[in-house]
């Protein structure tokens, strides 16, 4: 479902936290190049921490799934926000892989 949405959904970054998260995700290739240039892996650790912090700010402010407060019925699914979440997960998984860390599936 998300793969189809990725092809068909226009990413809308109206909220400042969406923009901040999008910019952070886009810095990943730059971070990898920096690591290749200076061989300091802590740069990747710092970036992953920043990405996690930025994602938390986004998640607290921007709802991916909007529900009715009384009934709990789903009113709207913001697919572009779901895709941002998926991008964060992919970047973090790749970062963990580079660092040799096995990510947990649940907490």
PDB file of N, CA and C in Angstrom:
ATOM      1  N   UNK A   1       0.824  -1.192   0.000  1.00  0.00           N
ATOM      2  CA  UNK A   1       0.000   0.000   0.000  1.00  0.00           C
ATOM      3  C   UNK A   1       0.871   1.261   0.000  1.00  0.00           C
ATOM      4  N   UNK A   2       1.921   1.293   0.831  1.00  0.00           N
ATOM      5  CA  UNK A   2       2.780   2.480   0.882  1.00  0.00           C
ATOM      6  C   UNK A   2       3.597   2.645  -0.392  1.00  0.00           C
ATOM      7  N   UNK A   3       3.962   1.527  -1.044  1.00  0.00           N
ATOM      8  CA  UNK A   3       4.709   1.639  -2.300  1.00  0.00           C
ATOM      9  C   UNK A   3       3.851   2.292  -3.372  1.00  0.00           C
ATOM     10  N   UNK A   4       2.582   1.901  -3.427  1.00  0.00           N
ATOM     11  CA  UNK A   4       1.659   2.523  -4.376  1.00  0.00           C
ATOM     12  C   UNK A   4       1.475   3.997  -4.029  1.00  0.00           C
ATOM     13  N   UNK A   5       1.318   4.290  -2.745  1.00  0.00           N
ATOM     14  CA  UNK A   5       1.150   5.678  -2.306  1.00  0.00           C
ATOM     15  C   UNK A   5       2.385   6.508  -2.626  1.00  0.00           C
ATOM     16  N   UNK A   6       3.557   5.903  -2.520  1.00  0.00           N
ATOM     17  CA  UNK A   6       4.797   6.630  -2.813  1.00  0.00           C
ATOM     18  C   UNK A   6       4.845   7.068  -4.271  1.00  0.00           C
ATOM     19  N   UNK A   7       4.292   6.254  -5.143  1.00  0.00           N
ATOM     20  CA  UNK A   7       4.275   6.608  -6.567  1.00  0.00           C
ATOM     21  C   UNK A   7       3.200   7.640  -6.888  1.00  0.00           C
ATOM     22  N   UNK A   8       2.095   7.603  -6.154  1.00  0.00           N
ATOM     23  CA  UNK A   8       0.928   8.396  -6.530  1.00  0.00           C
ATOM     24  C   UNK A   8       0.657   9.608  -5.645  1.00  0.00           C
ATOM     25  N   UNK A   9       1.289   9.677  -4.481  1.00  0.00           N
ATOM     26  CA  UNK A   9       0.971  10.730  -3.521  1.00  0.00           C
ATOM     27  C   UNK A   9       1.937  11.896  -3.642  1.00  0.00           C
ATOM     28  N   UNK A  10       1.370  13.071  -3.737  1.00  0.00           N
ATOM     29  CA  UNK A  10       2.179  14.285  -3.731  1.00  0.00           C
ATOM     30  C   UNK A  10       2.520  14.606  -2.279  1.00  0.00           C
ATOM     31  N   UNK A  11       3.795  14.842  -2.015  1.00  0.00           N
ATOM     32  CA  UNK A  11       4.232  15.168  -0.662  1.00  0.00           C
ATOM     33  C   UNK A  11       3.899  16.632  -0.386  1.00  0.00           C
ATOM     34  N   UNK A  12       3.116  16.868   0.649  1.00  0.00           N
ATOM     35  CA  UNK A  12       2.703  18.221   1.026  1.00  0.00           C
ATOM     36  C   UNK A  12       3.358  18.554   2.360  1.00  0.00           C
ATOM     37  N   UNK A  13       4.196  19.566   2.353  1.00  0.00           N
ATOM     38  CA  UNK A  13       4.891  19.965   3.575  1.00  0.00           C
ATOM     39  C   UNK A  13       4.389  21.341   4.004  1.00  0.00           C
ATOM     40  N   UNK A  14       3.192  21.368   4.580  1.00  0.00           N
ATOM     41  CA  UNK A  14       2.575  22.624   5.002  1.00  0.00           C
ATOM     42  C   UNK A  14       2.993  23.050   6.403  1.00  0.00           C
ATOM     43  N   UNK A  15       3.255  22.100   7.249  1.00  0.00           N
ATOM     44  CA  UNK A  15       3.571  22.375   8.651  1.00  0.00           C
ATOM     45  C   UNK A  15       5.084  22.528   8.816  1.00  0.00           C
ATOM     46  N   UNK A  16       5.507  23.430   9.704  1.00  0.00           N
ATOM     47  CA  UNK A  16       6.943  23.666   9.902  1.00  0.00           C
ATOM     48  C   UNK A  16       7.683  22.407  10.341  1.00  0.00           C
ATOM     49  N   UNK A  17       7.024  21.516  11.098  1.00  0.00           N
ATOM     50  CA  UNK A  17       7.667  20.275  11.554  1.00  0.00           C
ATOM     51  C   UNK A  17       7.838  19.295  10.398  1.00  0.00           C
ATOM     52  N   UNK A  18       6.933  19.336   9.420  1.00  0.00           N
ATOM     53  CA  UNK A  18       7.097  18.518   8.211  1.00  0.00           C
ATOM     54  C   UNK A  18       8.323  18.983   7.432  1.00  0.00           C
ATOM     55  N   UNK A  19       8.466  20.291   7.292  1.00  0.00           N
ATOM     56  CA  UNK A  19       9.624  20.852   6.596  1.00  0.00           C
ATOM     57  C   UNK A  19      10.919  20.482   7.302  1.00  0.00           C
ATOM     58  N   UNK A  20      10.924  20.638   8.614  1.00  0.00           N
ATOM     59  CA  UNK A  20      12.126  20.338   9.392  1.00  0.00           C
ATOM     60  C   UNK A  20      12.517  18.868   9.227  1.00  0.00           C
ATOM     61  N   UNK A  21      11.534  17.979   9.282  1.00  0.00           N
ATOM     62  CA  UNK A  21      11.810  16.552   9.121  1.00  0.00           C
ATOM     63  C   UNK A  21      12.284  16.246   7.704  1.00  0.00           C
ATOM     64  N   UNK A  22      11.638  16.824   6.720  1.00  0.00           N
ATOM     65  CA  UNK A  22      12.048  16.613   5.328  1.00  0.00           C
ATOM     66  C   UNK A  22      13.483  17.042   5.081  1.00  0.00           C
ATOM     67  N   UNK A  23      13.846  18.206   5.607  1.00  0.00           N
ATOM     68  CA  UNK A  23      15.232  18.689   5.452  1.00  0.00           C
ATOM     69  C   UNK A  23      16.219  17.756   6.140  1.00  0.00           C
ATOM     70  N   UNK A  24      15.839  17.254   7.293  1.00  0.00           N
ATOM     71  CA  UNK A  24      16.714  16.347   8.043  1.00  0.00           C
ATOM     72  C   UNK A  24      16.921  15.040   7.265  1.00  0.00           C
ATOM     73  N   UNK A  25      15.856  14.487   6.711  1.00  0.00           N
ATOM     74  CA  UNK A  25      15.958  13.257   5.919  1.00  0.00           C
ATOM     75  C   UNK A  25      16.892  13.472   4.730  1.00  0.00           C
ATOM     76  N   UNK A  26      16.749  14.612   4.064  1.00  0.00           N
ATOM     77  CA  UNK A  26      17.546  14.887   2.864  1.00  0.00           C
ATOM     78  C   UNK A  26      19.033  15.078   3.150  1.00  0.00           C
ATOM     79  N   UNK A  27      19.401  15.275   4.398  1.00  0.00           N
ATOM     80  CA  UNK A  27      20.814  15.432   4.756  1.00  0.00           C
ATOM     81  C   UNK A  27      21.565  14.099   4.838  1.00  0.00           C
ATOM     82  N   UNK A  28      20.864  12.974   4.782  1.00  0.00           N
ATOM     83  CA  UNK A  28      21.491  11.666   4.946  1.00  0.00           C
ATOM     84  C   UNK A  28      22.645  11.417   3.962  1.00  0.00           C
ATOM     85  N   UNK A  29      22.470  11.649   2.659  1.00  0.00           N
ATOM     86  CA  UNK A  29      23.605  11.433   1.750  1.00  0.00           C
ATOM     87  C   UNK A  29      24.814  12.317   2.094  1.00  0.00           C
ATOM     88  N   UNK A  30      24.554  13.546   2.512  1.00  0.00           N
ATOM     89  CA  UNK A  30      25.627  14.461   2.923  1.00  0.00           C
ATOM     90  C   UNK A  30      26.379  13.902   4.137  1.00  0.00           C
ATOM     91  N   UNK A  31      25.651  13.345   5.080  1.00  0.00           N
ATOM     92  CA  UNK A  31      26.259  12.753   6.276  1.00  0.00           C
ATOM     93  C   UNK A  31      27.121  11.562   5.882  1.00  0.00           C
ATOM     94  N   UNK A  32      26.610  10.716   4.988  1.00  0.00           N
ATOM     95  CA  UNK A  32      27.391   9.560   4.539  1.00  0.00           C
ATOM     96  C   UNK A  32      28.676   9.996   3.846  1.00  0.00           C
ATOM     97  N   UNK A  33      28.588  11.032   3.024  1.00  0.00           N
ATOM     98  CA  UNK A  33      29.790  11.531   2.346  1.00  0.00           C
ATOM     99  C   UNK A  33      30.795  12.070   3.351  1.00  0.00           C
ATOM    100  N   UNK A  34      30.317  12.762   4.361  1.00  0.00           N
ATOM    101  CA  UNK A  34      31.200  13.294   5.403  1.00  0.00           C
ATOM    102  C   UNK A  34      31.925  12.159   6.126  1.00  0.00           C
ATOM    103  N   UNK A  35      31.204  11.086   6.410  1.00  0.00           N
ATOM    104  CA  UNK A  35      31.816   9.930   7.074  1.00  0.00           C
ATOM    105  C   UNK A  35      32.894   9.310   6.185  1.00  0.00           C
ATOM    106  N   UNK A  36      32.614   9.211   4.895  1.00  0.00           N
ATOM    107  CA  UNK A  36      33.608   8.667   3.965  1.00  0.00           C
ATOM    108  C   UNK A  36      34.844   9.550   3.888  1.00  0.00           C
ATOM    109  N   UNK A  37      34.644  10.855   3.985  1.00  0.00           N
ATOM    110  CA  UNK A  37      35.767  11.790   3.887  1.00  0.00           C
ATOM    111  C   UNK A  37      36.636  11.801   5.134  1.00  0.00           C
ATOM    112  N   UNK A  38      36.001  11.824   6.325  1.00  0.00           N
ATOM    113  CA  UNK A  38      36.804  11.983   7.545  1.00  0.00           C
ATOM    114  C   UNK A  38      36.887  10.731   8.425  1.00  0.00           C
ATOM    115  N   UNK A  39      36.109   9.685   8.075  1.00  0.00           N
ATOM    116  CA  UNK A  39      36.133   8.402   8.795  1.00  0.00           C
ATOM    117  C   UNK A  39      35.749   8.509  10.274  1.00  0.00           C
ATOM    118  N   UNK A  40      34.906   9.468  10.615  1.00  0.00           N
ATOM    119  CA  UNK A  40      34.404   9.609  11.982  1.00  0.00           C
ATOM    120  C   UNK A  40      32.956   9.123  12.025  1.00  0.00           C
ATOM    121  N   UNK A  41      32.748   7.900  12.517  1.00  0.00           N
ATOM    122  CA  UNK A  41      31.401   7.324  12.544  1.00  0.00           C
ATOM    123  C   UNK A  41      30.471   8.012  13.536  1.00  0.00           C
ATOM    124  N   UNK A  42      31.029   8.723  14.511  1.00  0.00           N
ATOM    125  CA  UNK A  42      30.160   9.396  15.481  1.00  0.00           C
ATOM    126  C   UNK A  42      29.262  10.429  14.803  1.00  0.00           C
ATOM    127  N   UNK A  43      29.672  10.906  13.642  1.00  0.00           N
ATOM    128  CA  UNK A  43      28.844  11.848  12.879  1.00  0.00           C
ATOM    129  C   UNK A  43      27.501  11.204  12.542  1.00  0.00           C
ATOM    130  N   UNK A  44      27.533   9.924  12.186  1.00  0.00           N
ATOM    131  CA  UNK A  44      26.297   9.206  11.872  1.00  0.00           C
ATOM    132  C   UNK A  44      25.442   9.028  13.125  1.00  0.00           C
ATOM    133  N   UNK A  45      26.071   8.737  14.246  1.00  0.00           N
ATOM    134  CA  UNK A  45      25.331   8.605  15.519  1.00  0.00           C
ATOM    135  C   UNK A  45      24.635   9.916  15.869  1.00  0.00           C
ATOM    136  N   UNK A  46      25.360  11.020  15.724  1.00  0.00           N
ATOM    137  CA  UNK A  46      24.777  12.338  16.004  1.00  0.00           C
ATOM    138  C   UNK A  46      23.592  12.613  15.080  1.00  0.00           C
ATOM    139  N   UNK A  47      23.751  12.256  13.794  1.00  0.00           N
ATOM    140  CA  UNK A  47      22.686  12.478  12.818  1.00  0.00           C
ATOM    141  C   UNK A  47      21.450  11.639  13.154  1.00  0.00           C
ATOM    142  N   UNK A  48      21.647  10.368  13.481  1.00  0.00           N
ATOM    143  CA  UNK A  48      20.510   9.502  13.809  1.00  0.00           C
ATOM    144  C   UNK A  48      19.776  10.033  15.038  1.00  0.00           C
ATOM    145  N   UNK A  49      20.519  10.520  16.012  1.00  0.00           N
ATOM    146  CA  UNK A  49      19.891  11.120  17.196  1.00  0.00           C
ATOM    147  C   UNK A  49      19.078  12.357  16.797  1.00  0.00           C
ATOM    148  N   UNK A  50      19.659  13.198  15.950  1.00  0.00           N
ATOM    149  CA  UNK A  50      18.950  14.395  15.475  1.00  0.00           C
ATOM    150  C   UNK A  50      17.689  14.008  14.703  1.00  0.00           C
ATOM    151  N   UNK A  51      17.800  12.988  13.849  1.00  0.00           N
ATOM    152  CA  UNK A  51      16.647  12.527  13.073  1.00  0.00           C
ATOM    153  C   UNK A  51      15.545  12.008  13.997  1.00  0.00           C
ATOM    154  N   UNK A  52      15.923  11.237  15.012  1.00  0.00           N
ATOM    155  CA  UNK A  52      14.937  10.708  15.962  1.00  0.00           C
ATOM    156  C   UNK A  52      14.257  11.836  16.730  1.00  0.00           C
ATOM    157  N   UNK A  53      15.027  12.828  17.134  1.00  0.00           N
ATOM    158  CA  UNK A  53      14.475  13.975  17.861  1.00  0.00           C
ATOM    159  C   UNK A  53      13.530  14.780  16.968  1.00  0.00           C
ATOM    160  N   UNK A  54      13.944  15.006  15.738  1.00  0.00           N
ATOM    161  CA  UNK A  54      13.120  15.748  14.781  1.00  0.00           C
ATOM    162  C   UNK A  54      11.842  14.977  14.471  1.00  0.00           C
ATOM    163  N   UNK A  55      11.959  13.656  14.343  1.00  0.00           N
ATOM    164  CA  UNK A  55      10.774  12.834  14.097  1.00  0.00           C
ATOM    165  C   UNK A  55       9.794  12.922  15.265  1.00  0.00           C
ATOM    166  N   UNK A  56      10.302  12.902  16.479  1.00  0.00           N
ATOM    167  CA  UNK A  56       9.440  13.000  17.658  1.00  0.00           C
ATOM    168  C   UNK A  56       8.683  14.324  17.663  1.00  0.00           C
ATOM    169  N   UNK A  57       9.362  15.415  17.319  1.00  0.00           N
ATOM    170  CA  UNK A  57       8.695  16.722  17.222  1.00  0.00           C
ATOM    171  C   UNK A  57       7.587  16.675  16.170  1.00  0.00           C
ATOM    172  N   UNK A  58       7.900  16.092  15.019  1.00  0.00           N
ATOM    173  CA  UNK A  58       6.925  15.947  13.935  1.00  0.00           C
ATOM    174  C   UNK A  58       5.726  15.122  14.397  1.00  0.00           C
ATOM    175  N   UNK A  59       5.996  13.982  15.018  1.00  0.00           N
ATOM    176  CA  UNK A  59       4.943  13.053  15.427  1.00  0.00           C
ATOM    177  C   UNK A  59       4.029  13.669  16.482  1.00  0.00           C
ATOM    178  N   UNK A  60       4.599  14.504  17.347  1.00  0.00           N
ATOM    179  CA  UNK A  60       3.798  15.174  18.373  1.00  0.00           C
ATOM    180  C   UNK A  60       2.898  16.262  17.789  1.00  0.00           C
ATOM    181  N   UNK A  61       3.305  16.851  16.671  1.00  0.00           N
ATOM    182  CA  UNK A  61       2.582  17.995  16.100  1.00  0.00           C
ATOM    183  C   UNK A  61       1.693  17.649  14.913  1.00  0.00           C
ATOM    184  N   UNK A  62       2.053  16.636  14.167  1.00  0.00           N
ATOM    185  CA  UNK A  62       1.379  16.336  12.901  1.00  0.00           C
ATOM    186  C   UNK A  62       0.776  14.933  12.945  1.00  0.00           C
ATOM    187  N   UNK A  63      -0.526  14.847  12.794  1.00  0.00           N
ATOM    188  CA  UNK A  63      -1.194  13.549  12.859  1.00  0.00           C
ATOM    189  C   UNK A  63      -1.172  12.863  11.499  1.00  0.00           C
ATOM    190  N   UNK A  64      -0.730  11.625  11.499  1.00  0.00           N
ATOM    191  CA  UNK A  64      -0.770  10.820  10.276  1.00  0.00           C
ATOM    192  C   UNK A  64      -2.183  10.298  10.039  1.00  0.00           C
ATOM    193  N   UNK A  65      -2.827   9.897  11.120  1.00  0.00           N
ATOM    194  CA  UNK A  65      -4.206   9.402  11.069  1.00  0.00           C
ATOM    195  C   UNK A  65      -5.039  10.283  11.992  1.00  0.00           C
ATOM    196  N   UNK A  66      -6.054  10.919  11.420  1.00  0.00           N
ATOM    197  CA  UNK A  66      -6.933  11.779  12.206  1.00  0.00           C
ATOM    198  C   UNK A  66      -8.215  11.019  12.526  1.00  0.00           C
ATOM    199  N   UNK A  67      -8.552  10.995  13.827  1.00  0.00           N
ATOM    200  CA  UNK A  67      -9.736  10.260  14.286  1.00  0.00           C
ATOM    201  C   UNK A  67     -10.716  11.195  14.975  1.00  0.00           C
ATOM    202  N   UNK A  68     -11.986  10.808  14.941  1.00  0.00           N
ATOM    203  CA  UNK A  68     -13.025  11.511  15.683  1.00  0.00           C
ATOM    204  C   UNK A  68     -12.800  11.250  17.170  1.00  0.00           C
ATOM    205  N   UNK A  69     -12.800  12.293  17.966  1.00  0.00           N
ATOM    206  CA  UNK A  69     -12.512  12.150  19.400  1.00  0.00           C
ATOM    207  C   UNK A  69     -13.595  11.372  20.147  1.00  0.00           C
ATOM    208  N   UNK A  70     -14.829  11.451  19.696  1.00  0.00           N
ATOM    209  CA  UNK A  70     -15.921  10.754  20.381  1.00  0.00           C
ATOM    210  C   UNK A  70     -15.994   9.280  19.984  1.00  0.00           C
ATOM    211  N   UNK A  71     -15.995   9.032  18.688  1.00  0.00           N
ATOM    212  CA  UNK A  71     -16.237   7.670  18.205  1.00  0.00           C
ATOM    213  C   UNK A  71     -14.959   6.880  17.945  1.00  0.00           C
ATOM    214  N   UNK A  72     -13.848   7.572  17.745  1.00  0.00           N
ATOM    215  CA  UNK A  72     -12.607   6.890  17.393  1.00  0.00           C
ATOM    216  C   UNK A  72     -12.550   6.506  15.926  1.00  0.00           C
ATOM    217  N   UNK A  73     -13.554   6.922  15.167  1.00  0.00           N
ATOM    218  CA  UNK A  73     -13.623   6.613  13.743  1.00  0.00           C
ATOM    219  C   UNK A  73     -12.535   7.381  12.992  1.00  0.00           C
ATOM    220  N   UNK A  74     -11.883   6.699  12.061  1.00  0.00           N
ATOM    221  CA  UNK A  74     -10.844   7.332  11.256  1.00  0.00           C
ATOM    222  C   UNK A  74     -11.501   8.318  10.297  1.00  0.00           C
ATOM    223  N   UNK A  75     -11.078   9.578  10.384  1.00  0.00           N
ATOM    224  CA  UNK A  75     -11.621  10.621   9.518  1.00  0.00           C
ATOM    225  C   UNK A  75     -10.750  10.838   8.287  1.00  0.00           C
ATOM    226  N   UNK A  76      -9.440  10.753   8.493  1.00  0.00           N
ATOM    227  CA  UNK A  76      -8.529  11.084   7.399  1.00  0.00           C
ATOM    228  C   UNK A  76      -7.187  10.405   7.638  1.00  0.00           C
ATOM    229  N   UNK A  77      -6.605   9.867   6.569  1.00  0.00           N
ATOM    230  CA  UNK A  77      -5.248   9.320   6.621  1.00  0.00           C
ATOM    231  C   UNK A  77      -4.387  10.214   5.739  1.00  0.00           C
ATOM    232  N   UNK A  78      -3.400  10.849   6.343  1.00  0.00           N
ATOM    233  CA  UNK A  78      -2.494  11.736   5.606  1.00  0.00           C
ATOM    234  C   UNK A  78      -1.333  10.901   5.071  1.00  0.00           C
ATOM    235  N   UNK A  79      -1.482  10.439   3.820  1.00  0.00           N
ATOM    236  CA  UNK A  79      -0.497   9.517   3.250  1.00  0.00           C
ATOM    237  C   UNK A  79       0.882  10.153   3.122  1.00  0.00           C
ATOM    238  N   UNK A  80       0.961  11.461   2.839  1.00  0.00           N
ATOM    239  CA  UNK A  80       2.276  12.079   2.716  1.00  0.00           C
ATOM    240  C   UNK A  80       3.017  12.043   4.048  1.00  0.00           C
ATOM    241  N   UNK A  81       2.281  12.135   5.139  1.00  0.00           N
ATOM    242  CA  UNK A  81       2.913  12.038   6.460  1.00  0.00           C
ATOM    243  C   UNK A  81       3.326  10.597   6.756  1.00  0.00           C
ATOM    244  N   UNK A  82       2.522   9.649   6.310  1.00  0.00           N
ATOM    245  CA  UNK A  82       2.898   8.239   6.459  1.00  0.00           C
ATOM    246  C   UNK A  82       4.181   7.961   5.675  1.00  0.00           C
ATOM    247  N   UNK A  83       4.297   8.569   4.507  1.00  0.00           N
ATOM    248  CA  UNK A  83       5.500   8.382   3.694  1.00  0.00           C
ATOM    249  C   UNK A  83       6.719   9.015   4.354  1.00  0.00           C
ATOM    250  N   UNK A  84       6.549  10.144   5.025  1.00  0.00           N
ATOM    251  CA  UNK A  84       7.653  10.735   5.792  1.00  0.00           C
ATOM    252  C   UNK A  84       8.098   9.780   6.898  1.00  0.00           C
ATOM    253  N   UNK A  85       7.138   9.173   7.571  1.00  0.00           N
ATOM    254  CA  UNK A  85       7.466   8.197   8.626  1.00  0.00           C
ATOM    255  C   UNK A  85       8.230   7.016   8.039  1.00  0.00           C
ATOM    256  N   UNK A  86       7.791   6.546   6.889  1.00  0.00           N
ATOM    257  CA  UNK A  86       8.455   5.421   6.223  1.00  0.00           C
ATOM    258  C   UNK A  86       9.878   5.799   5.807  1.00  0.00           C
ATOM    259  N   UNK A  87      10.064   7.025   5.339  1.00  0.00           N
ATOM    260  CA  UNK A  87      11.402   7.489   4.959  1.00  0.00           C
ATOM    261  C   UNK A  87      12.325   7.549   6.173  1.00  0.00           C
ATOM    262  N   UNK A  88      11.808   8.027   7.296  1.00  0.00           N
ATOM    263  CA  UNK A  88      12.603   8.070   8.531  1.00  0.00           C
ATOM    264  C   UNK A  88      13.012   6.658   8.928  1.00  0.00           C
ATOM    265  N   UNK A  89      12.074   5.722   8.866  1.00  0.00           N
ATOM    266  CA  UNK A  89      12.377   4.335   9.229  1.00  0.00           C
ATOM    267  C   UNK A  89      13.457   3.755   8.320  1.00  0.00           C
ATOM    268  N   UNK A  90      13.382   4.045   7.028  1.00  0.00           N
ATOM    269  CA  UNK A  90      14.371   3.526   6.081  1.00  0.00           C
ATOM    270  C   UNK A  90      15.754   4.117   6.341  1.00  0.00           C
ATOM    271  N   UNK A  91      15.815   5.423   6.588  1.00  0.00           N
ATOM    272  CA  UNK A  91      17.101   6.080   6.855  1.00  0.00           C
ATOM    273  C   UNK A  91      17.698   5.560   8.157  1.00  0.00           C
ATOM    274  N   UNK A  92      16.869   5.431   9.185  1.00  0.00           N
ATOM    275  CA  UNK A  92      17.381   4.929  10.465  1.00  0.00           C
ATOM    276  C   UNK A  92      17.857   3.480  10.333  1.00  0.00           C
ATOM    277  N   UNK A  93      17.122   2.662   9.598  1.00  0.00           N
ATOM    278  CA  UNK A  93      17.526   1.267   9.402  1.00  0.00           C
ATOM    279  C   UNK A  93      18.870   1.194   8.683  1.00  0.00           C
ATOM    280  N   UNK A  94      19.049   2.009   7.658  1.00  0.00           N
ATOM    281  CA  UNK A  94      20.318   2.019   6.928  1.00  0.00           C
ATOM    282  C   UNK A  94      21.438   2.531   7.821  1.00  0.00           C
ATOM    283  N   UNK A  95      21.168   3.559   8.610  1.00  0.00           N
ATOM    284  CA  UNK A  95      22.178   4.074   9.538  1.00  0.00           C
ATOM    285  C   UNK A  95      22.583   3.031  10.564  1.00  0.00           C
ATOM    286  N   UNK A  96      21.598   2.323  11.122  1.00  0.00           N
ATOM    287  CA  UNK A  96      21.898   1.256  12.081  1.00  0.00           C
ATOM    288  C   UNK A  96      22.715   0.149  11.421  1.00  0.00           C
ATOM    289  N   UNK A  97      22.366  -0.188  10.180  1.00  0.00           N
ATOM    290  CA  UNK A  97      23.096  -1.222   9.452  1.00  0.00           C
ATOM    291  C   UNK A  97      24.563  -0.827   9.275  1.00  0.00           C
ATOM    292  N   UNK A  98      24.801   0.409   8.905  1.00  0.00           N
ATOM    293  CA  UNK A  98      26.177   0.902   8.735  1.00  0.00           C
ATOM    294  C   UNK A  98      26.945   0.812  10.049  1.00  0.00           C
ATOM    295  N   UNK A  99      26.265   1.117  11.149  1.00  0.00           N
ATOM    296  CA  UNK A  99      26.906   1.083  12.467  1.00  0.00           C
ATOM    297  C   UNK A  99      26.993  -0.329  13.051  1.00  0.00           C
ATOM    298  N   UNK A 100      26.348  -1.291  12.392  1.00  0.00           N
ATOM    299  CA  UNK A 100      26.364  -2.662  12.886  1.00  0.00           C
ATOM    300  C   UNK A 100      25.429  -2.888  14.059  1.00  0.00           C
ATOM    301  N   UNK A 101      24.386  -2.071  14.145  1.00  0.00           N
ATOM    302  CA  UNK A 101      23.412  -2.167  15.234  1.00  0.00           C
ATOM    303  C   UNK A 101      22.152  -2.845  14.712  1.00  0.00           C
ATOM    304  N   UNK A 102      21.681  -3.848  15.436  1.00  0.00           N
ATOM    305  CA  UNK A 102      20.432  -4.509  15.067  1.00  0.00           C
ATOM    306  C   UNK A 102      19.278  -3.742  15.717  1.00  0.00           C
ATOM    307  N   UNK A 103      18.399  -3.137  14.912  1.00  0.00           N
ATOM    308  CA  UNK A 103      17.292  -2.359  15.497  1.00  0.00           C
ATOM    309  C   UNK A 103      16.240  -3.267  16.127  1.00  0.00           C
ATOM    310  N   UNK A 104      15.609  -2.781  17.172  1.00  0.00           N
ATOM    311  CA  UNK A 104      14.505  -3.514  17.791  1.00  0.00           C
ATOM    312  C   UNK A 104      13.243  -3.263  16.972  1.00  0.00           C
ATOM    313  N   UNK A 105      12.366  -4.241  16.945  1.00  0.00           N
ATOM    314  CA  UNK A 105      11.121  -4.104  16.192  1.00  0.00           C
ATOM    315  C   UNK A 105      10.023  -3.453  17.014  1.00  0.00           C
ATOM    316  N   UNK A 106      10.082  -3.655  18.346  1.00  0.00           N
ATOM    317  CA  UNK A 106       9.064  -3.090  19.238  1.00  0.00           C
ATOM    318  C   UNK A 106       9.719  -2.693  20.537  1.00  0.00           C
ATOM    319  N   UNK A 107       9.098  -1.733  21.190  1.00  0.00           N
ATOM    320  CA  UNK A 107       9.572  -1.330  22.516  1.00  0.00           C
ATOM    321  C   UNK A 107       8.438  -1.467  23.502  1.00  0.00           C
TER     322      UNK A 107
END
